[in-house]
């Protein structure tokens, strides 16, 4: 039976070893993305606290001036007074040339125009919203735009694309290759534990320690076997969370097993008021800042159209990075019209919120980040030490056959 598991372990490792090694190496790099960015680009994030803070609307206008054709997408304000304000800018790739007509050439009904983000006169009344393309880091005391950052062109985005998709994009073949290699890694880990499992206590003691003074072959063997055992449980957890993010059917399985819904409730809509201007970003922020206590940041997203609500996410200090609360504000009246707190999520959503932090090592802060970094680096060595063990075994079998052949020839002679 062990020969069967050894073959599975070997051939899956040969098939996916390079991808596994690349995924572990890039994963180790991504663990400390936040810390590295802040260490090497401190001026992007930290400013001198001096004087009164400028209105968010002024900071937003300055950010828009720095980038032609940009639209305001979001404003992120930290509770730390020394942090810059992050202005999310959306730069559309193609200009929207649609007018207030249907595909058949007929003029839209006012209700249809309203649903598409237009007033009864067919004109757009609210610009902005959407996912930010760029982040402008603005000094909240001087209004100076320190830097306009495009993460898509950053080193860490390249590493992430390599880690997740082999640079092919979210819908490319690289994502499937990484996904199936991760599946292989899961079975490699399971068969590795089976092969490691000792028959006696004496063997157990040998397989729990690395013998550094017993020659290179023994050291390589122990590096693969011993460290593989100590890291296997952690790697299985990392692999399973990675598979959850790679395959939608696994993601859906969380909600099927818990009997809960994946989707959040539909966000409330603003009540359109003709001739009334949408509220300023300052009012939306002040509406929440006074009532939300102990938040690390408040991130306000602008609505995409005239029926959408202003949405704001607040992350409590010390909370899991995905455990944020969401609030909805009517863009005309400024009233809070809905909320979706982390504590109100169903069981499936709560479990799903742990997937990314567990996968990246951020679930318990720096201690688990360091642990995840070490585990990923050690995992990078397994394909190498495993191949060396395999080659040594082939060499040993070849030498054994040659000795047997020579012995037979001697007997015949």
Protein backbone atom coordinates (compact mmCIF):
# COMPACT_ATOMS: atom_id res chain seq x y z
CA UNK A 1 0.00 0.00 0.00
CA UNK A 2 2.86 2.38 0.80
CA UNK A 3 4.23 1.85 -2.71
CA UNK A 4 0.88 3.05 -4.08
CA UNK A 5 0.93 6.22 -1.94
CA UNK A 6 4.63 6.75 -2.72
CA UNK A 7 3.86 6.72 -6.46
CA UNK A 8 1.00 9.20 -6.04
CA UNK A 9 3.24 11.41 -3.92
CA UNK A 10 6.08 11.21 -6.44
CA UNK A 11 4.25 11.70 -9.72
CA UNK A 12 1.99 14.50 -8.48
CA UNK A 13 5.09 16.23 -7.12
CA UNK A 14 6.90 15.88 -10.44
CA UNK A 15 3.86 17.22 -12.29
CA UNK A 16 3.22 20.23 -10.07
CA UNK A 17 6.50 20.77 -8.21
CA UNK A 18 7.61 23.91 -10.05
CA UNK A 19 4.17 25.57 -9.74
CA UNK A 20 4.00 24.67 -6.04
CA UNK A 21 7.46 26.09 -5.43
CA UNK A 22 6.56 29.30 -7.28
CA UNK A 23 3.28 29.65 -5.38
CA UNK A 24 4.99 29.20 -2.02
CA UNK A 25 7.75 31.69 -2.86
CA UNK A 26 5.35 34.37 -4.11
CA UNK A 27 3.07 33.67 -1.14
CA UNK A 28 5.97 34.27 1.24
CA UNK A 29 6.67 37.62 -0.45
CA UNK A 30 3.02 38.70 -0.27
CA UNK A 31 2.77 37.98 3.47
CA UNK A 32 4.59 41.22 4.31
CA UNK A 33 3.34 43.42 1.47
CA UNK A 34 1.81 45.94 3.86
CA UNK A 35 4.90 46.16 6.05
CA UNK A 36 7.31 46.42 3.11
CA UNK A 37 5.28 49.13 1.38
CA UNK A 38 5.13 51.20 4.55
CA UNK A 39 8.84 50.69 5.27
CA UNK A 40 10.02 51.81 1.83
CA UNK A 41 7.31 54.39 1.09
CA UNK A 42 6.74 56.00 4.47
CA UNK A 43 6.04 59.47 3.03
CA UNK A 44 3.14 58.02 1.07
CA UNK A 45 1.33 57.06 4.26
CA UNK A 46 2.59 59.34 7.04
CA UNK A 47 2.47 63.13 7.34
CA UNK A 48 3.22 65.70 10.00
CA UNK A 49 0.21 66.62 12.13
CA UNK A 50 0.03 70.37 11.74
CA UNK A 51 -2.97 72.70 11.98
CA UNK A 52 -6.57 71.85 11.13
CA UNK A 53 -7.64 69.24 8.67
CA UNK A 54 -9.09 70.45 5.37
CA UNK A 55 -12.58 69.41 4.26
CA UNK A 56 -12.70 66.08 2.44
CA UNK A 57 -14.36 67.78 -0.53
CA UNK A 58 -11.26 69.96 -0.95
CA UNK A 59 -8.97 66.93 -0.75
CA UNK A 60 -11.14 65.19 -3.34
CA UNK A 61 -10.98 68.16 -5.70
CA UNK A 62 -7.19 68.30 -5.42
CA UNK A 63 -6.99 64.61 -6.20
CA UNK A 64 -9.22 65.01 -9.24
CA UNK A 65 -7.05 67.87 -10.53
CA UNK A 66 -3.99 65.62 -10.36
CA UNK A 67 -5.50 63.08 -12.74
CA UNK A 68 -7.31 64.23 -15.90
CA UNK A 69 -10.72 62.65 -16.64
CA UNK A 70 -10.77 60.90 -13.27
CA UNK A 71 -13.96 60.48 -11.25
CA UNK A 72 -14.23 60.32 -7.49
CA UNK A 73 -14.80 56.73 -6.40
CA UNK A 74 -14.01 56.62 -2.69
CA UNK A 75 -12.47 58.43 0.27
CA UNK A 76 -10.70 56.51 3.02
CA UNK A 77 -10.04 58.31 6.30
CA UNK A 78 -7.96 56.75 9.09
CA UNK A 79 -8.44 57.46 12.77
CA UNK A 80 -4.66 57.93 13.03
CA UNK A 81 -4.16 61.68 12.65
CA UNK A 82 -0.77 61.21 10.98
CA UNK A 83 -2.13 59.09 8.12
CA UNK A 84 -2.77 60.46 4.67
CA UNK A 85 -6.29 60.41 3.27
CA UNK A 86 -6.65 57.90 0.45
CA UNK A 87 -8.77 59.20 -2.44
CA UNK A 88 -9.92 56.47 -4.82
CA UNK A 89 -10.04 57.63 -8.43
CA UNK A 90 -11.75 55.85 -11.28
CA UNK A 91 -10.34 56.43 -14.74
CA UNK A 92 -12.73 54.92 -17.32
CA UNK A 93 -11.07 53.05 -20.16
CA UNK A 94 -13.75 54.00 -22.65
CA UNK A 95 -15.99 57.02 -22.67
CA UNK A 96 -19.65 56.22 -22.18
CA UNK A 97 -21.36 57.47 -25.33
CA UNK A 98 -24.85 56.21 -24.53
CA UNK A 99 -27.60 58.79 -24.53
CA UNK A 100 -31.09 58.63 -23.08
CA UNK A 101 -32.37 56.31 -25.79
CA UNK A 102 -33.06 52.63 -25.96
CA UNK A 103 -31.50 50.26 -28.45
CA UNK A 104 -34.56 50.66 -30.66
CA UNK A 105 -33.95 54.41 -30.95
CA UNK A 106 -36.90 55.45 -28.77
CA UNK A 107 -36.54 57.93 -25.93
CA UNK A 108 -36.35 56.38 -22.48
CA UNK A 109 -39.14 56.56 -19.99
CA UNK A 110 -38.20 58.85 -17.03
CA UNK A 111 -38.24 55.83 -14.72
CA UNK A 112 -35.79 53.98 -16.97
CA UNK A 113 -33.56 57.04 -17.12
CA UNK A 114 -33.66 57.27 -13.36
CA UNK A 115 -32.61 53.63 -13.03
CA UNK A 116 -29.64 54.31 -15.30
CA UNK A 117 -28.47 57.13 -13.09
CA UNK A 118 -30.19 60.03 -14.83
CA UNK A 119 -32.75 62.57 -13.90
CA UNK A 120 -36.11 63.03 -15.58
CA UNK A 121 -34.46 65.31 -18.12
CA UNK A 122 -32.12 62.50 -19.19
CA UNK A 123 -28.99 64.12 -17.79
CA UNK A 124 -26.62 62.42 -15.41
CA UNK A 125 -26.73 63.98 -11.98
CA UNK A 126 -24.19 61.89 -10.10
CA UNK A 127 -20.72 61.06 -11.27
CA UNK A 128 -18.32 58.74 -9.58
CA UNK A 129 -18.57 55.41 -7.85
CA UNK A 130 -17.17 52.13 -9.07
CA UNK A 131 -13.95 50.38 -8.21
CA UNK A 132 -10.98 52.75 -7.91
CA UNK A 133 -8.34 52.51 -10.63
CA UNK A 134 -5.87 54.75 -8.78
CA UNK A 135 -5.29 55.83 -5.20
CA UNK A 136 -4.28 59.43 -4.52
CA UNK A 137 -2.53 59.89 -1.17
CA UNK A 138 -3.35 63.39 0.07
CA UNK A 139 -2.02 65.35 3.03
CA UNK A 140 -5.17 66.19 5.04
CA UNK A 141 -3.57 69.36 6.50
CA UNK A 142 -2.10 70.98 3.38
CA UNK A 143 -4.20 69.38 0.67
CA UNK A 144 -1.08 68.35 -1.24
CA UNK A 145 -1.33 65.24 -3.38
CA UNK A 146 1.73 63.27 -2.29
CA UNK A 147 1.43 60.43 -4.78
CA UNK A 148 -1.04 58.88 -7.21
CA UNK A 149 -0.50 55.15 -6.95
CA UNK A 150 -1.51 52.49 -9.44
CA UNK A 151 -1.26 49.07 -7.75
CA UNK A 152 -1.87 47.30 -11.05
CA UNK A 153 1.58 48.40 -12.14
CA UNK A 154 3.32 47.69 -8.83
CA UNK A 155 5.80 44.96 -7.97
CA UNK A 156 3.42 43.32 -5.50
CA UNK A 157 0.59 43.21 -8.04
CA UNK A 158 2.91 41.37 -10.43
CA UNK A 159 3.80 38.93 -7.64
CA UNK A 160 0.11 38.45 -6.81
CA UNK A 161 -0.78 37.81 -10.46
CA UNK A 162 2.05 35.28 -10.65
CA UNK A 163 0.87 33.67 -7.40
CA UNK A 164 -2.76 33.39 -8.45
CA UNK A 165 -2.86 33.28 -12.25
CA UNK A 166 0.70 32.84 -13.61
CA UNK A 167 0.30 36.37 -15.04
CA UNK A 168 -2.51 35.19 -17.34
CA UNK A 169 -5.36 37.11 -15.71
CA UNK A 170 -8.35 36.04 -13.66
CA UNK A 171 -9.99 34.15 -16.54
CA UNK A 172 -6.83 32.75 -18.12
CA UNK A 173 -5.39 29.26 -18.29
CA UNK A 174 -2.85 30.18 -15.60
CA UNK A 175 -5.57 30.31 -12.96
CA UNK A 176 -6.61 26.74 -13.82
CA UNK A 177 -3.00 25.55 -13.75
CA UNK A 178 -2.44 27.07 -10.32
CA UNK A 179 -5.78 25.74 -9.08
CA UNK A 180 -5.14 22.15 -10.15
CA UNK A 181 -1.53 22.31 -8.90
CA UNK A 182 -2.93 23.38 -5.54
CA UNK A 183 -5.27 20.37 -5.67
CA UNK A 184 -2.27 18.16 -6.36
CA UNK A 185 -0.46 19.76 -3.44
CA UNK A 186 -3.30 18.76 -1.13
CA UNK A 187 -2.94 15.09 -2.09
CA UNK A 188 0.84 15.37 -1.93
CA UNK A 189 0.54 16.55 1.68
CA UNK A 190 -1.93 13.81 2.61
CA UNK A 191 0.18 11.03 1.06
CA UNK A 192 3.28 12.57 2.63
CA UNK A 193 1.76 12.22 6.09
CA UNK A 194 0.80 8.60 5.32
CA UNK A 195 4.34 7.82 4.16
CA UNK A 196 5.84 9.59 7.19
CA UNK A 197 3.70 7.71 9.72
CA UNK A 198 6.08 5.47 11.74
CA UNK A 199 5.48 1.84 12.71
CA UNK A 200 7.42 1.95 15.97
CA UNK A 201 8.35 4.49 18.65
CA UNK A 202 12.02 4.20 17.70
CA UNK A 203 11.23 5.23 14.12
CA UNK A 204 9.01 8.01 15.46
CA UNK A 205 11.91 9.51 17.40
CA UNK A 206 14.07 9.40 14.27
CA UNK A 207 11.43 11.18 12.20
CA UNK A 208 11.00 14.04 14.64
CA UNK A 209 14.60 15.29 14.52
CA UNK A 210 16.95 16.48 11.79
CA UNK A 211 20.37 14.80 11.95
CA UNK A 212 22.77 17.46 10.70
CA UNK A 213 25.93 15.41 11.31
CA UNK A 214 25.04 12.28 9.36
CA UNK A 215 26.08 13.30 5.87
CA UNK A 216 24.46 15.25 3.06
CA UNK A 217 22.03 12.52 1.96
CA UNK A 218 20.68 12.07 5.47
CA UNK A 219 20.39 15.82 5.99
CA UNK A 220 18.47 16.22 2.71
CA UNK A 221 16.25 13.28 3.70
CA UNK A 222 15.45 14.80 7.10
CA UNK A 223 14.84 18.25 5.64
CA UNK A 224 12.16 16.73 3.43
CA UNK A 225 10.66 14.24 5.88
CA UNK A 226 10.94 16.03 9.23
CA UNK A 227 10.15 19.60 8.15
CA UNK A 228 7.45 18.22 5.87
CA UNK A 229 5.71 16.68 8.86
CA UNK A 230 5.95 19.78 11.06
CA UNK A 231 4.61 22.06 8.33
CA UNK A 232 2.03 19.71 6.80
CA UNK A 233 -0.92 20.68 8.99
CA UNK A 234 -0.33 24.39 8.40
CA UNK A 235 0.12 23.82 4.68
CA UNK A 236 -3.10 21.82 4.45
CA UNK A 237 -4.96 24.79 5.96
CA UNK A 238 -3.25 27.21 3.55
CA UNK A 239 -4.03 24.93 0.60
CA UNK A 240 -7.70 24.49 1.54
CA UNK A 241 -8.22 28.24 1.93
CA UNK A 242 -6.44 28.77 -1.40
CA UNK A 243 -8.72 26.25 -3.10
CA UNK A 244 -11.75 28.05 -1.66
CA UNK A 245 -10.64 31.23 -3.40
CA UNK A 246 -9.74 29.40 -6.63
CA UNK A 247 -12.83 27.24 -7.17
CA UNK A 248 -16.32 28.67 -6.86
CA UNK A 249 -17.87 25.25 -6.13
CA UNK A 250 -15.72 24.92 -3.00
CA UNK A 251 -16.68 28.44 -1.99
CA UNK A 252 -20.36 27.57 -2.45
CA UNK A 253 -19.80 24.40 -0.45
CA UNK A 254 -19.27 26.47 2.71
CA UNK A 255 -22.77 27.87 2.41
CA UNK A 256 -24.29 24.53 1.40
CA UNK A 257 -22.81 22.80 4.44
CA UNK A 258 -23.94 25.57 6.79
CA UNK A 259 -27.35 25.91 5.15
CA UNK A 260 -26.89 29.65 4.66
CA UNK A 261 -27.00 32.13 1.79
CA UNK A 262 -23.89 33.46 0.11
CA UNK A 263 -25.42 36.76 -1.00
CA UNK A 264 -25.74 39.83 1.18
CA UNK A 265 -29.10 41.63 1.31
CA UNK A 266 -29.68 44.05 -1.54
CA UNK A 267 -28.44 47.51 -0.53
CA UNK A 268 -31.10 50.17 -0.08
CA UNK A 269 -31.55 52.88 -2.69
CA UNK A 270 -31.60 56.64 -2.39
CA UNK A 271 -34.89 58.45 -2.90
CA UNK A 272 -34.36 60.55 -6.01
CA UNK A 273 -35.15 64.24 -5.55
CA UNK A 274 -35.27 66.31 -8.71
CA UNK A 275 -33.31 69.55 -8.47
CA UNK A 276 -31.57 68.51 -5.25
CA UNK A 277 -27.81 68.17 -5.35
CA UNK A 278 -26.21 65.05 -3.83
CA UNK A 279 -24.69 65.56 -0.40
CA UNK A 280 -21.03 66.48 -0.08
CA UNK A 281 -18.57 63.79 0.95
CA UNK A 282 -17.93 65.70 4.20
CA UNK A 283 -21.55 65.34 5.27
CA UNK A 284 -21.52 61.60 4.54
CA UNK A 285 -18.35 61.16 6.61
CA UNK A 286 -19.52 63.34 9.50
CA UNK A 287 -22.80 61.46 9.60
CA UNK A 288 -20.90 58.32 10.57
CA UNK A 289 -17.73 59.57 12.27
CA UNK A 290 -19.65 60.85 15.27
CA UNK A 291 -21.51 57.60 15.89
CA UNK A 292 -18.87 55.01 14.97
CA UNK A 293 -16.37 54.62 17.79
CA UNK A 294 -12.98 52.91 17.77
CA UNK A 295 -12.79 52.46 13.99
CA UNK A 296 -9.40 52.05 12.34
CA UNK A 297 -10.75 53.71 9.22
CA UNK A 298 -13.94 54.74 7.46
CA UNK A 299 -14.02 54.18 3.72
CA UNK A 300 -16.77 56.00 1.83
CA UNK A 301 -17.73 54.89 -1.67
CA UNK A 302 -19.68 57.17 -3.95
CA UNK A 303 -22.82 55.86 -5.67
CA UNK A 304 -22.61 54.98 -9.34
CA UNK A 305 -25.87 56.70 -10.23
CA UNK A 306 -28.73 58.76 -8.90
CA UNK A 307 -30.58 55.84 -7.30
CA UNK A 308 -27.61 54.33 -5.52
CA UNK A 309 -26.74 54.98 -1.89
CA UNK A 310 -23.45 56.23 -0.51
CA UNK A 311 -21.84 53.20 1.12
CA UNK A 312 -19.33 53.39 3.96
CA UNK A 313 -17.28 50.59 5.48
CA UNK A 314 -15.79 50.90 8.96
CA UNK A 315 -13.20 48.50 10.35
CA UNK A 316 -13.05 48.28 14.16
CA UNK A 317 -9.54 48.51 15.60
CA UNK A 318 -7.99 45.10 16.13
CA UNK A 319 -10.69 43.34 14.12
CA UNK A 320 -10.16 40.84 11.35
CA UNK A 321 -9.45 42.65 8.07
CA UNK A 322 -12.68 41.29 6.59
CA UNK A 323 -14.83 42.00 9.69
CA UNK A 324 -15.94 45.47 8.64
CA UNK A 325 -19.36 47.03 9.07
CA UNK A 326 -21.16 48.60 6.11
CA UNK A 327 -23.52 51.57 6.29
CA UNK A 328 -25.73 53.08 3.57
CA UNK A 329 -26.55 56.78 3.31
CA UNK A 330 -29.20 58.41 1.10
CA UNK A 331 -27.21 60.62 -1.27
CA UNK A 332 -29.86 63.37 -1.23
CA UNK A 333 -31.10 63.52 2.36
CA UNK A 334 -27.90 62.40 4.09
CA UNK A 335 -29.81 59.98 6.31
CA UNK A 336 -28.49 56.52 7.18
CA UNK A 337 -30.94 54.19 5.45
CA UNK A 338 -29.39 50.81 6.16
CA UNK A 339 -26.52 48.86 7.63
CA UNK A 340 -24.90 45.45 7.36
CA UNK A 341 -22.65 44.71 10.32
CA UNK A 342 -20.12 41.91 10.59
CA UNK A 343 -21.93 40.56 13.64
CA UNK A 344 -25.14 40.26 11.59
CA UNK A 345 -23.60 37.97 8.98
CA UNK A 346 -24.78 34.38 8.81
CA UNK A 347 -22.58 31.43 9.75
CA UNK A 348 -21.41 30.76 6.19
CA UNK A 349 -20.42 34.38 5.66
CA UNK A 350 -18.55 34.47 8.96
CA UNK A 351 -16.61 31.32 8.06
CA UNK A 352 -15.89 32.71 4.59
CA UNK A 353 -14.57 35.95 6.10
CA UNK A 354 -11.74 33.95 7.72
CA UNK A 355 -10.55 32.37 4.46
CA UNK A 356 -8.33 35.20 3.20
CA UNK A 357 -6.81 36.17 6.60
CA UNK A 358 -6.01 32.52 7.34
CA UNK A 359 -4.53 32.02 3.86
CA UNK A 360 -2.33 35.12 4.05
CA UNK A 361 -1.33 34.61 7.69
CA UNK A 362 -2.95 37.80 8.93
CA UNK A 363 -5.59 36.14 11.11
CA UNK A 364 -3.74 36.85 14.39
CA UNK A 365 -1.47 39.65 13.24
CA UNK A 366 2.31 39.57 13.21
CA UNK A 367 2.81 36.18 14.96
CA UNK A 368 0.82 34.29 12.32
CA UNK A 369 2.39 36.35 9.54
CA UNK A 370 5.86 35.29 10.66
CA UNK A 371 4.69 31.68 10.96
CA UNK A 372 3.12 31.78 7.49
CA UNK A 373 6.30 33.30 6.02
CA UNK A 374 8.49 30.54 7.51
CA UNK A 375 6.06 27.79 6.43
CA UNK A 376 5.99 29.09 2.84
CA UNK A 377 9.79 29.33 2.64
CA UNK A 378 10.20 25.79 3.95
CA UNK A 379 7.59 24.56 1.47
CA UNK A 380 9.71 26.01 -1.35
CA UNK A 381 12.42 23.48 -0.49
CA UNK A 382 10.23 20.37 -0.65
CA UNK A 383 10.21 19.97 -4.45
CA UNK A 384 14.01 20.32 -4.44
CA UNK A 385 14.74 17.94 -1.55
CA UNK A 386 12.12 15.53 -2.88
CA UNK A 387 13.70 15.37 -6.35
CA UNK A 388 17.14 14.84 -4.79
CA UNK A 389 15.74 11.94 -2.72
CA UNK A 390 14.18 10.46 -5.85
CA UNK A 391 17.43 10.75 -7.84
CA UNK A 392 19.40 9.22 -4.96
CA UNK A 393 16.93 6.33 -4.84
CA UNK A 394 17.26 5.78 -8.61
CA UNK A 395 21.04 5.88 -8.31
CA UNK A 396 20.94 3.41 -5.43
CA UNK A 397 18.70 1.01 -7.36
CA UNK A 398 20.99 1.28 -10.39
CA UNK A 399 24.08 0.52 -8.30
CA UNK A 400 22.27 -2.39 -6.67
CA UNK A 401 21.40 -3.86 -10.06
CA UNK A 402 24.96 -3.42 -11.31
CA UNK A 403 26.35 -5.16 -8.21
CA UNK A 404 23.86 -7.99 -8.64
CA UNK A 405 24.78 -8.36 -12.30
CA UNK A 406 28.51 -8.38 -11.50
CA UNK A 407 27.94 -10.98 -8.80
CA UNK A 408 26.03 -13.23 -11.20
CA UNK A 409 28.75 -12.90 -13.83
CA UNK A 410 31.39 -13.84 -11.24
CA UNK A 411 29.45 -16.94 -10.23
CA UNK A 412 29.05 -18.01 -13.87
CA UNK A 413 32.77 -17.50 -14.53
